[in-house]
Amino acid sequence: MDDPTSNRDNPPTESKRSPIRPAAPQSAPQSVPPEPSNTPAPPFAEGDALTTSPTSALNMLRAKMEFVADEFAQGNINRAQFNAVYKRYSEQRAIIERLIERNPDSDAWKQVVSLKGQTGFLRHHFEAQPLYFAAYHKSSPKPIMSEGKSPPPEGVITSLLKGVWLMKNRPKHALGRKPIGESHWLLLAVGDFAATAVLFSLEPSNAQARLVRDLHADFERANQAALERGWIVPERMVFPQRAITETGF
């Protein structure tokens, strides 16, 4: 379709160059649950001194285990993070219970709950890290823009997109995920005219998935005219998805 506001006879040709950044300012993908309405508040900080007895220590650990379960239910952590953190609290609970059983008067239980930083390390270690992203227009199998040093195997994204674009009743603002290899996961956000694929080191949390969905929606909103006409010139477009690889989550 011609642009009535342009004097050119032909639309600009697609450029393969990466636009200059401003100087300042893995089967079909699985669906992602909807955004939750509430985020739980943490019970006690790790290593908190509010425990004055073995019973209070066990109650604190139970509260932390419930909090981790709520975090996963709200989509704020992934399964690997849940399993690692919940296992640690469960082990602490079992140790304290054994200590009490052997010697109710012993203060050894205090050492079990006094260690700091362990769950913080586990949360970070098992958090999914974005490795690569690519933005596609539905008219071409080649990405408009891509960044990252660890792209998925060749053809994985394009084969998925081929099926998505052929869907007759494709949901608007579709979002799905697919395991790639032994540990990596591919997250795909699809809009009216384009799609964004992000490769993660581990399974992303639902909160990370929702962020990718929102970044893609902003990409289509900001570049609506170009995407509608199919006049793809990366140097004249903006890419909110860059926040994924430049700053992480």
C-alpha atoms as a PDB file:
ATOM      1  CA  MET A   1       0.000   0.000   0.000  1.00  0.00           C
ATOM      2  CA  ASP A   2       1.324   3.458  -0.958  1.00  0.00           C
ATOM      3  CA  ASP A   3       1.822   6.114   1.665  1.00  0.00           C
ATOM      4  CA  PRO A   4      -0.347   9.124   0.710  1.00  0.00           C
ATOM      5  CA  THR A   5       1.935  11.470   2.657  1.00  0.00           C
ATOM      6  CA  SER A   6       5.090  10.451   0.776  1.00  0.00           C
ATOM      7  CA  ASN A   7       6.435  11.763  -2.525  1.00  0.00           C
ATOM      8  CA  ARG A   8       8.520   8.680  -3.124  1.00  0.00           C
ATOM      9  CA  ASP A   9       7.415   6.235  -5.798  1.00  0.00           C
ATOM     10  CA  ASN A  10       8.649   3.247  -3.853  1.00  0.00           C
ATOM     11  CA  PRO A  11       8.787   2.473  -0.123  1.00  0.00           C
ATOM     12  CA  PRO A  12      12.152   2.269   1.629  1.00  0.00           C
ATOM     13  CA  THR A  13      13.934  -1.056   1.379  1.00  0.00           C
ATOM     14  CA  GLU A  14      14.662  -3.112   4.475  1.00  0.00           C
ATOM     15  CA  SER A  15      18.043  -2.448   6.028  1.00  0.00           C
ATOM     16  CA  LYS A  16      20.072  -5.120   7.756  1.00  0.00           C
ATOM     17  CA  ARG A  17      22.111  -2.672   9.771  1.00  0.00           C
ATOM     18  CA  SER A  18      21.580  -2.360  13.475  1.00  0.00           C
ATOM     19  CA  PRO A  19      20.134   1.033  14.406  1.00  0.00           C
ATOM     20  CA  ILE A  20      22.326   3.357  16.408  1.00  0.00           C
ATOM     21  CA  ARG A  21      21.498   3.371  20.094  1.00  0.00           C
ATOM     22  CA  PRO A  22      20.744   6.744  21.706  1.00  0.00           C
ATOM     23  CA  ALA A  23      23.646   8.199  23.617  1.00  0.00           C
ATOM     24  CA  ALA A  24      21.569   9.021  26.653  1.00  0.00           C
ATOM     25  CA  PRO A  25      18.426   8.731  28.396  1.00  0.00           C
ATOM     26  CA  GLN A  26      11.742 -25.348  22.834  1.00  0.00           C
ATOM     27  CA  SER A  27       5.741 -28.794  20.036  1.00  0.00           C
ATOM     28  CA  ALA A  28       3.576 -25.673  20.230  1.00  0.00           C
ATOM     29  CA  PRO A  29       4.372 -23.069  22.856  1.00  0.00           C
ATOM     30  CA  GLN A  30       2.634 -23.488  26.194  1.00  0.00           C
ATOM     31  CA  SER A  31       0.288 -20.716  27.239  1.00  0.00           C
ATOM     32  CA  VAL A  32       1.222 -18.427  30.123  1.00  0.00           C
ATOM     33  CA  PRO A  33      -1.258 -17.860  32.978  1.00  0.00           C
ATOM     34  CA  PRO A  34      -2.842 -14.404  33.313  1.00  0.00           C
ATOM     35  CA  GLU A  35      -1.267 -11.713  35.458  1.00  0.00           C
ATOM     36  CA  PRO A  36      -2.101 -12.028  39.160  1.00  0.00           C
ATOM     37  CA  SER A  37      -3.773  -9.203  41.031  1.00  0.00           C
ATOM     38  CA  ASN A  38      -1.729  -9.325  44.254  1.00  0.00           C
ATOM     39  CA  THR A  39       1.857  -9.877  45.312  1.00  0.00           C
ATOM     40  CA  PRO A  40       2.417 -11.489  48.732  1.00  0.00           C
ATOM     41  CA  ALA A  41       4.413  -9.683  51.394  1.00  0.00           C
ATOM     42  CA  PRO A  42       7.392 -11.559  52.871  1.00  0.00           C
ATOM     43  CA  PRO A  43       7.032 -12.906  56.445  1.00  0.00           C
ATOM     44  CA  PHE A  44      10.499 -12.509  58.049  1.00  0.00           C
ATOM     45  CA  ALA A  45      13.851 -11.533  56.622  1.00  0.00           C
ATOM     46  CA  GLU A  46      16.323 -14.386  56.406  1.00  0.00           C
ATOM     47  CA  GLY A  47      18.319 -14.685  59.635  1.00  0.00           C
ATOM     48  CA  ASP A  48      15.750 -12.537  61.484  1.00  0.00           C
ATOM     49  CA  ALA A  49      16.265 -12.468  65.259  1.00  0.00           C
ATOM     50  CA  LEU A  50      12.544 -12.687  66.024  1.00  0.00           C
ATOM     51  CA  THR A  51      12.908 -16.367  66.869  1.00  0.00           C
ATOM     52  CA  THR A  52      13.190 -16.773  70.650  1.00  0.00           C
ATOM     53  CA  SER A  53      12.476 -20.506  70.903  1.00  0.00           C
ATOM     54  CA  PRO A  54      12.552 -23.643  68.752  1.00  0.00           C
ATOM     55  CA  THR A  55       8.792 -23.356  68.348  1.00  0.00           C
ATOM     56  CA  SER A  56       9.005 -19.776  67.075  1.00  0.00           C
ATOM     57  CA  ALA A  57      11.814 -20.829  64.722  1.00  0.00           C
ATOM     58  CA  LEU A  58       9.631 -23.598  63.280  1.00  0.00           C
ATOM     59  CA  ASN A  59       6.725 -21.180  62.903  1.00  0.00           C
ATOM     60  CA  MET A  60       8.977 -18.727  61.074  1.00  0.00           C
ATOM     61  CA  LEU A  61      10.185 -21.426  58.689  1.00  0.00           C
ATOM     62  CA  ARG A  62       6.613 -22.527  58.047  1.00  0.00           C
ATOM     63  CA  ALA A  63       5.686 -18.924  57.217  1.00  0.00           C
ATOM     64  CA  LYS A  64       8.611 -18.718  54.799  1.00  0.00           C
ATOM     65  CA  MET A  65       7.584 -21.962  53.102  1.00  0.00           C
ATOM     66  CA  GLU A  66       4.064 -20.607  52.656  1.00  0.00           C
ATOM     67  CA  PHE A  67       5.488 -17.365  51.263  1.00  0.00           C
ATOM     68  CA  VAL A  68       7.573 -19.222  48.658  1.00  0.00           C
ATOM     69  CA  ALA A  69       4.476 -21.157  47.623  1.00  0.00           C
ATOM     70  CA  ASP A  70       2.612 -17.845  47.240  1.00  0.00           C
ATOM     71  CA  GLU A  71       5.479 -16.396  45.194  1.00  0.00           C
ATOM     72  CA  PHE A  72       5.274 -19.277  42.746  1.00  0.00           C
ATOM     73  CA  ALA A  73       1.476 -19.084  42.598  1.00  0.00           C
ATOM     74  CA  GLN A  74       1.770 -15.361  41.759  1.00  0.00           C
ATOM     75  CA  GLY A  75       4.332 -16.096  39.026  1.00  0.00           C
ATOM     76  CA  ASN A  76       7.160 -14.171  40.666  1.00  0.00           C
ATOM     77  CA  ILE A  77       9.623 -17.105  40.724  1.00  0.00           C
ATOM     78  CA  ASN A  78      10.127 -20.092  38.457  1.00  0.00           C
ATOM     79  CA  ARG A  79       9.951 -23.772  39.377  1.00  0.00           C
ATOM     80  CA  ALA A  80      13.710 -24.140  39.828  1.00  0.00           C
ATOM     81  CA  GLN A  81      13.782 -21.223  42.272  1.00  0.00           C
ATOM     82  CA  PHE A  82      10.791 -22.614  44.173  1.00  0.00           C
ATOM     83  CA  ASN A  83      12.281 -26.113  44.445  1.00  0.00           C
ATOM     84  CA  ALA A  84      15.676 -24.852  45.650  1.00  0.00           C
ATOM     85  CA  VAL A  85      14.405 -22.338  48.228  1.00  0.00           C
ATOM     86  CA  TYR A  86      11.571 -24.534  49.498  1.00  0.00           C
ATOM     87  CA  LYS A  87      13.972 -27.462  49.890  1.00  0.00           C
ATOM     88  CA  ARG A  88      16.324 -25.344  52.010  1.00  0.00           C
ATOM     89  CA  TYR A  89      13.535 -24.244  54.363  1.00  0.00           C
ATOM     90  CA  SER A  90      12.276 -27.814  54.563  1.00  0.00           C
ATOM     91  CA  GLU A  91      15.741 -29.095  55.461  1.00  0.00           C
ATOM     92  CA  GLN A  92      16.121 -26.426  58.166  1.00  0.00           C
ATOM     93  CA  ARG A  93      12.763 -27.417  59.601  1.00  0.00           C
ATOM     94  CA  ALA A  94      13.663 -31.111  59.668  1.00  0.00           C
ATOM     95  CA  ILE A  95      17.023 -30.426  61.359  1.00  0.00           C
ATOM     96  CA  ILE A  96      15.445 -28.300  64.102  1.00  0.00           C
ATOM     97  CA  GLU A  97      12.789 -30.934  64.737  1.00  0.00           C
ATOM     98  CA  ARG A  98      15.483 -33.625  65.113  1.00  0.00           C
ATOM     99  CA  LEU A  99      17.525 -31.415  67.462  1.00  0.00           C
ATOM    100  CA  ILE A 100      14.498 -30.807  69.661  1.00  0.00           C
ATOM    101  CA  GLU A 101      13.718 -34.505  69.724  1.00  0.00           C
ATOM    102  CA  ARG A 102      17.249 -35.408  70.802  1.00  0.00           C
ATOM    103  CA  ASN A 103      17.717 -32.614  73.349  1.00  0.00           C
ATOM    104  CA  PRO A 104      14.847 -30.188  74.049  1.00  0.00           C
ATOM    105  CA  ASP A 105      17.113 -27.960  76.162  1.00  0.00           C
ATOM    106  CA  SER A 106      19.828 -27.497  73.543  1.00  0.00           C
ATOM    107  CA  ASP A 107      20.368 -24.152  71.797  1.00  0.00           C
ATOM    108  CA  ALA A 108      21.814 -25.807  68.673  1.00  0.00           C
ATOM    109  CA  TRP A 109      18.668 -24.878  66.714  1.00  0.00           C
ATOM    110  CA  LYS A 110      19.797 -21.230  66.761  1.00  0.00           C
ATOM    111  CA  GLN A 111      22.705 -22.014  64.458  1.00  0.00           C
ATOM    112  CA  VAL A 112      20.307 -23.510  61.918  1.00  0.00           C
ATOM    113  CA  VAL A 113      18.308 -20.293  61.525  1.00  0.00           C
ATOM    114  CA  SER A 114      21.179 -17.817  61.942  1.00  0.00           C
ATOM    115  CA  LEU A 115      22.796 -18.258  58.525  1.00  0.00           C
ATOM    116  CA  LYS A 116      22.116 -15.371  56.116  1.00  0.00           C
ATOM    117  CA  GLY A 117      22.219 -15.084  52.356  1.00  0.00           C
ATOM    118  CA  GLN A 118      21.582 -18.708  51.459  1.00  0.00           C
ATOM    119  CA  THR A 119      18.133 -18.279  49.921  1.00  0.00           C
ATOM    120  CA  GLY A 120      19.226 -15.076  48.195  1.00  0.00           C
ATOM    121  CA  PHE A 121      21.993 -17.025  46.493  1.00  0.00           C
ATOM    122  CA  LEU A 122      19.552 -19.792  45.472  1.00  0.00           C
ATOM    123  CA  ARG A 123      17.055 -17.302  44.080  1.00  0.00           C
ATOM    124  CA  HIS A 124      19.731 -15.662  41.948  1.00  0.00           C
ATOM    125  CA  HIS A 125      21.398 -18.917  40.887  1.00  0.00           C
ATOM    126  CA  PHE A 126      18.145 -20.432  39.600  1.00  0.00           C
ATOM    127  CA  GLU A 127      16.705 -17.262  38.083  1.00  0.00           C
ATOM    128  CA  ALA A 128      16.207 -17.420  34.314  1.00  0.00           C
ATOM    129  CA  GLN A 129      18.597 -15.091  32.485  1.00  0.00           C
ATOM    130  CA  PRO A 130      17.766 -13.636  29.035  1.00  0.00           C
ATOM    131  CA  LEU A 131      20.366 -14.728  26.497  1.00  0.00           C
ATOM    132  CA  TYR A 132      19.006 -13.498  23.161  1.00  0.00           C
ATOM    133  CA  PHE A 133      16.059 -11.714  21.601  1.00  0.00           C
ATOM    134  CA  ALA A 134      14.819 -11.224  18.054  1.00  0.00           C
ATOM    135  CA  ALA A 135      11.942  -9.160  16.629  1.00  0.00           C
ATOM    136  CA  TYR A 136      10.159 -10.346  13.467  1.00  0.00           C
ATOM    137  CA  HIS A 137       7.656  -8.862  11.041  1.00  0.00           C
ATOM    138  CA  LYS A 138       5.050 -11.326   9.821  1.00  0.00           C
ATOM    139  CA  SER A 139       6.041 -10.714   6.181  1.00  0.00           C
ATOM    140  CA  SER A 140       9.600 -12.050   6.556  1.00  0.00           C
ATOM    141  CA  PRO A 141      11.359 -15.001   8.242  1.00  0.00           C
ATOM    142  CA  LYS A 142      14.395 -12.808   8.872  1.00  0.00           C
ATOM    143  CA  PRO A 143      14.510 -10.788  12.104  1.00  0.00           C
ATOM    144  CA  ILE A 144      14.162  -7.024  11.991  1.00  0.00           C
ATOM    145  CA  MET A 145      16.505  -6.799  14.952  1.00  0.00           C
ATOM    146  CA  SER A 146      18.320  -9.302  17.163  1.00  0.00           C
ATOM    147  CA  GLU A 147      20.711  -9.025  20.083  1.00  0.00           C
ATOM    148  CA  GLY A 148      22.516 -11.487  22.322  1.00  0.00           C
ATOM    149  CA  LYS A 149      25.393 -13.937  22.067  1.00  0.00           C
ATOM    150  CA  SER A 150      23.433 -17.200  22.416  1.00  0.00           C
ATOM    151  CA  PRO A 151      20.774 -17.555  19.710  1.00  0.00           C
ATOM    152  CA  PRO A 152      18.701 -20.753  19.597  1.00  0.00           C
ATOM    153  CA  PRO A 153      19.414 -23.394  16.927  1.00  0.00           C
ATOM    154  CA  GLU A 154      18.755 -22.139  13.400  1.00  0.00           C
ATOM    155  CA  GLY A 155      15.191 -22.594  12.261  1.00  0.00           C
ATOM    156  CA  VAL A 156      13.612 -23.056  15.700  1.00  0.00           C
ATOM    157  CA  ILE A 157      11.999 -19.629  15.845  1.00  0.00           C
ATOM    158  CA  THR A 158      11.004 -19.432  12.180  1.00  0.00           C
ATOM    159  CA  SER A 159       9.327 -22.845  12.265  1.00  0.00           C
ATOM    160  CA  LEU A 160       7.267 -21.779  15.276  1.00  0.00           C
ATOM    161  CA  LEU A 161       6.328 -18.462  13.703  1.00  0.00           C
ATOM    162  CA  LYS A 162       5.300 -20.131  10.465  1.00  0.00           C
ATOM    163  CA  GLY A 163       2.669 -22.102  12.347  1.00  0.00           C
ATOM    164  CA  VAL A 164       1.581 -19.077  14.377  1.00  0.00           C
ATOM    165  CA  TRP A 165       1.022 -16.838  11.339  1.00  0.00           C
ATOM    166  CA  LEU A 166      -1.095 -19.568   9.696  1.00  0.00           C
ATOM    167  CA  MET A 167      -3.454 -19.831  12.663  1.00  0.00           C
ATOM    168  CA  LYS A 168      -6.942 -18.657  11.675  1.00  0.00           C
ATOM    169  CA  ASN A 169      -8.127 -17.890  15.198  1.00  0.00           C
ATOM    170  CA  ARG A 170      -4.836 -16.703  16.639  1.00  0.00           C
ATOM    171  CA  PRO A 171      -5.374 -14.963  19.998  1.00  0.00           C
ATOM    172  CA  LYS A 172      -4.551 -11.287  20.071  1.00  0.00           C
ATOM    173  CA  HIS A 173      -1.330 -10.582  21.979  1.00  0.00           C
ATOM    174  CA  ALA A 174      -0.535 -14.321  22.197  1.00  0.00           C
ATOM    175  CA  LEU A 175       2.216 -15.453  24.546  1.00  0.00           C
ATOM    176  CA  GLY A 176       3.779 -18.912  24.748  1.00  0.00           C
ATOM    177  CA  ARG A 177       6.870 -20.776  25.891  1.00  0.00           C
ATOM    178  CA  LYS A 178       8.786 -23.831  24.698  1.00  0.00           C
ATOM    179  CA  PRO A 179      11.715 -25.817  26.168  1.00  0.00           C
ATOM    180  CA  ILE A 180      14.822 -25.791  23.992  1.00  0.00           C
ATOM    181  CA  GLY A 181      17.447 -28.447  24.671  1.00  0.00           C
ATOM    182  CA  GLU A 182      18.183 -29.555  28.219  1.00  0.00           C
ATOM    183  CA  SER A 183      17.635 -26.301  30.106  1.00  0.00           C
ATOM    184  CA  HIS A 184      16.955 -23.340  27.803  1.00  0.00           C
ATOM    185  CA  TRP A 185      13.469 -21.967  27.187  1.00  0.00           C
ATOM    186  CA  LEU A 186      12.115 -19.913  24.302  1.00  0.00           C
ATOM    187  CA  LEU A 187       9.414 -17.351  25.009  1.00  0.00           C
ATOM    188  CA  LEU A 188       7.374 -16.016  22.078  1.00  0.00           C
ATOM    189  CA  ALA A 189       5.170 -12.909  22.184  1.00  0.00           C
ATOM    190  CA  VAL A 190       2.977 -12.330  19.114  1.00  0.00           C
ATOM    191  CA  GLY A 191       0.941  -9.265  18.176  1.00  0.00           C
ATOM    192  CA  ASP A 192      -0.961  -8.033  15.139  1.00  0.00           C
ATOM    193  CA  PHE A 193       1.985  -7.499  12.806  1.00  0.00           C
ATOM    194  CA  ALA A 194       5.102  -8.791  14.544  1.00  0.00           C
ATOM    195  CA  ALA A 195       6.556 -11.172  17.112  1.00  0.00           C
ATOM    196  CA  THR A 196       9.328 -11.127  19.698  1.00  0.00           C
ATOM    197  CA  ALA A 197      11.273 -14.259  20.651  1.00  0.00           C
ATOM    198  CA  VAL A 198      13.453 -14.371  23.775  1.00  0.00           C
ATOM    199  CA  LEU A 199      15.774 -17.225  24.729  1.00  0.00           C
ATOM    200  CA  PHE A 200      16.275 -17.784  28.473  1.00  0.00           C
ATOM    201  CA  SER A 201      18.908 -19.809  30.340  1.00  0.00           C
ATOM    202  CA  LEU A 202      16.165 -21.520  32.392  1.00  0.00           C
ATOM    203  CA  GLU A 203      12.376 -21.551  32.442  1.00  0.00           C
ATOM    204  CA  PRO A 204      11.260 -17.919  32.934  1.00  0.00           C
ATOM    205  CA  SER A 205       8.850 -16.975  35.684  1.00  0.00           C
ATOM    206  CA  ASN A 206       5.386 -15.774  34.715  1.00  0.00           C
ATOM    207  CA  ALA A 207       6.424 -12.271  35.767  1.00  0.00           C
ATOM    208  CA  GLN A 208       9.298 -12.374  33.251  1.00  0.00           C
ATOM    209  CA  ALA A 209       6.923 -13.685  30.591  1.00  0.00           C
ATOM    210  CA  ARG A 210       4.482 -10.851  31.224  1.00  0.00           C
ATOM    211  CA  LEU A 211       7.305  -8.335  30.894  1.00  0.00           C
ATOM    212  CA  VAL A 212       8.233  -9.756  27.471  1.00  0.00           C
ATOM    213  CA  ARG A 213       4.576  -9.528  26.448  1.00  0.00           C
ATOM    214  CA  ASP A 214       4.420  -5.879  27.520  1.00  0.00           C
ATOM    215  CA  LEU A 215       7.686  -4.962  25.787  1.00  0.00           C
ATOM    216  CA  HIS A 216       6.415  -6.473  22.539  1.00  0.00           C
ATOM    217  CA  ALA A 217       3.101  -4.635  22.847  1.00  0.00           C
ATOM    218  CA  ASP A 218       5.040  -1.385  23.256  1.00  0.00           C
ATOM    219  CA  PHE A 219       7.182  -2.289  20.228  1.00  0.00           C
ATOM    220  CA  GLU A 220       4.072  -2.626  18.040  1.00  0.00           C
ATOM    221  CA  ARG A 221       2.524   0.513  19.516  1.00  0.00           C
ATOM    222  CA  ALA A 222       5.617   2.662  18.934  1.00  0.00           C
ATOM    223  CA  ASN A 223       6.209   1.390  15.380  1.00  0.00           C
ATOM    224  CA  GLN A 224       2.588   0.927  14.330  1.00  0.00           C
ATOM    225  CA  ALA A 225       2.740   2.847  11.042  1.00  0.00           C
ATOM    226  CA  ALA A 226       5.848   1.054   9.775  1.00  0.00           C
ATOM    227  CA  LEU A 227       4.609  -2.390  10.818  1.00  0.00           C
ATOM    228  CA  GLU A 228       1.182  -1.888   9.250  1.00  0.00           C
ATOM    229  CA  ARG A 229       2.656  -0.815   5.890  1.00  0.00           C
ATOM    230  CA  GLY A 230       5.518  -3.299   5.987  1.00  0.00           C
ATOM    231  CA  TRP A 231       8.067  -0.546   5.450  1.00  0.00           C
ATOM    232  CA  ILE A 232      10.706  -1.969   7.742  1.00  0.00           C
ATOM    233  CA  VAL A 233      13.704   0.304   8.280  1.00  0.00           C
ATOM    234  CA  PRO A 234      15.377  -0.570  11.607  1.00  0.00           C
ATOM    235  CA  GLU A 235      17.193   2.756  11.791  1.00  0.00           C
ATOM    236  CA  ARG A 236      13.814   4.519  11.977  1.00  0.00           C
ATOM    237  CA  MET A 237      12.316   2.191  14.570  1.00  0.00           C
ATOM    238  CA  VAL A 238      12.598   1.789  18.322  1.00  0.00           C
ATOM    239  CA  PHE A 239      13.047  -1.520  20.131  1.00  0.00           C
ATOM    240  CA  PRO A 240      11.829  -1.704  23.741  1.00  0.00           C
ATOM    241  CA  GLN A 241      13.001  -5.339  23.736  1.00  0.00           C
ATOM    242  CA  ARG A 242      16.562  -4.106  24.114  1.00  0.00           C
ATOM    243  CA  ALA A 243      15.850  -3.674  27.807  1.00  0.00           C
ATOM    244  CA  ILE A 244      15.886  -7.485  28.044  1.00  0.00           C
ATOM    245  CA  THR A 245      19.491  -8.048  27.030  1.00  0.00           C
ATOM    246  CA  GLU A 246      20.909  -4.705  28.165  1.00  0.00           C
ATOM    247  CA  THR A 247      19.594  -4.654  31.728  1.00  0.00           C
ATOM    248  CA  GLY A 248      18.186  -8.167  32.296  1.00  0.00           C
ATOM    249  CA  PHE A 249      15.276  -8.518  34.701  1.00  0.00           C
END
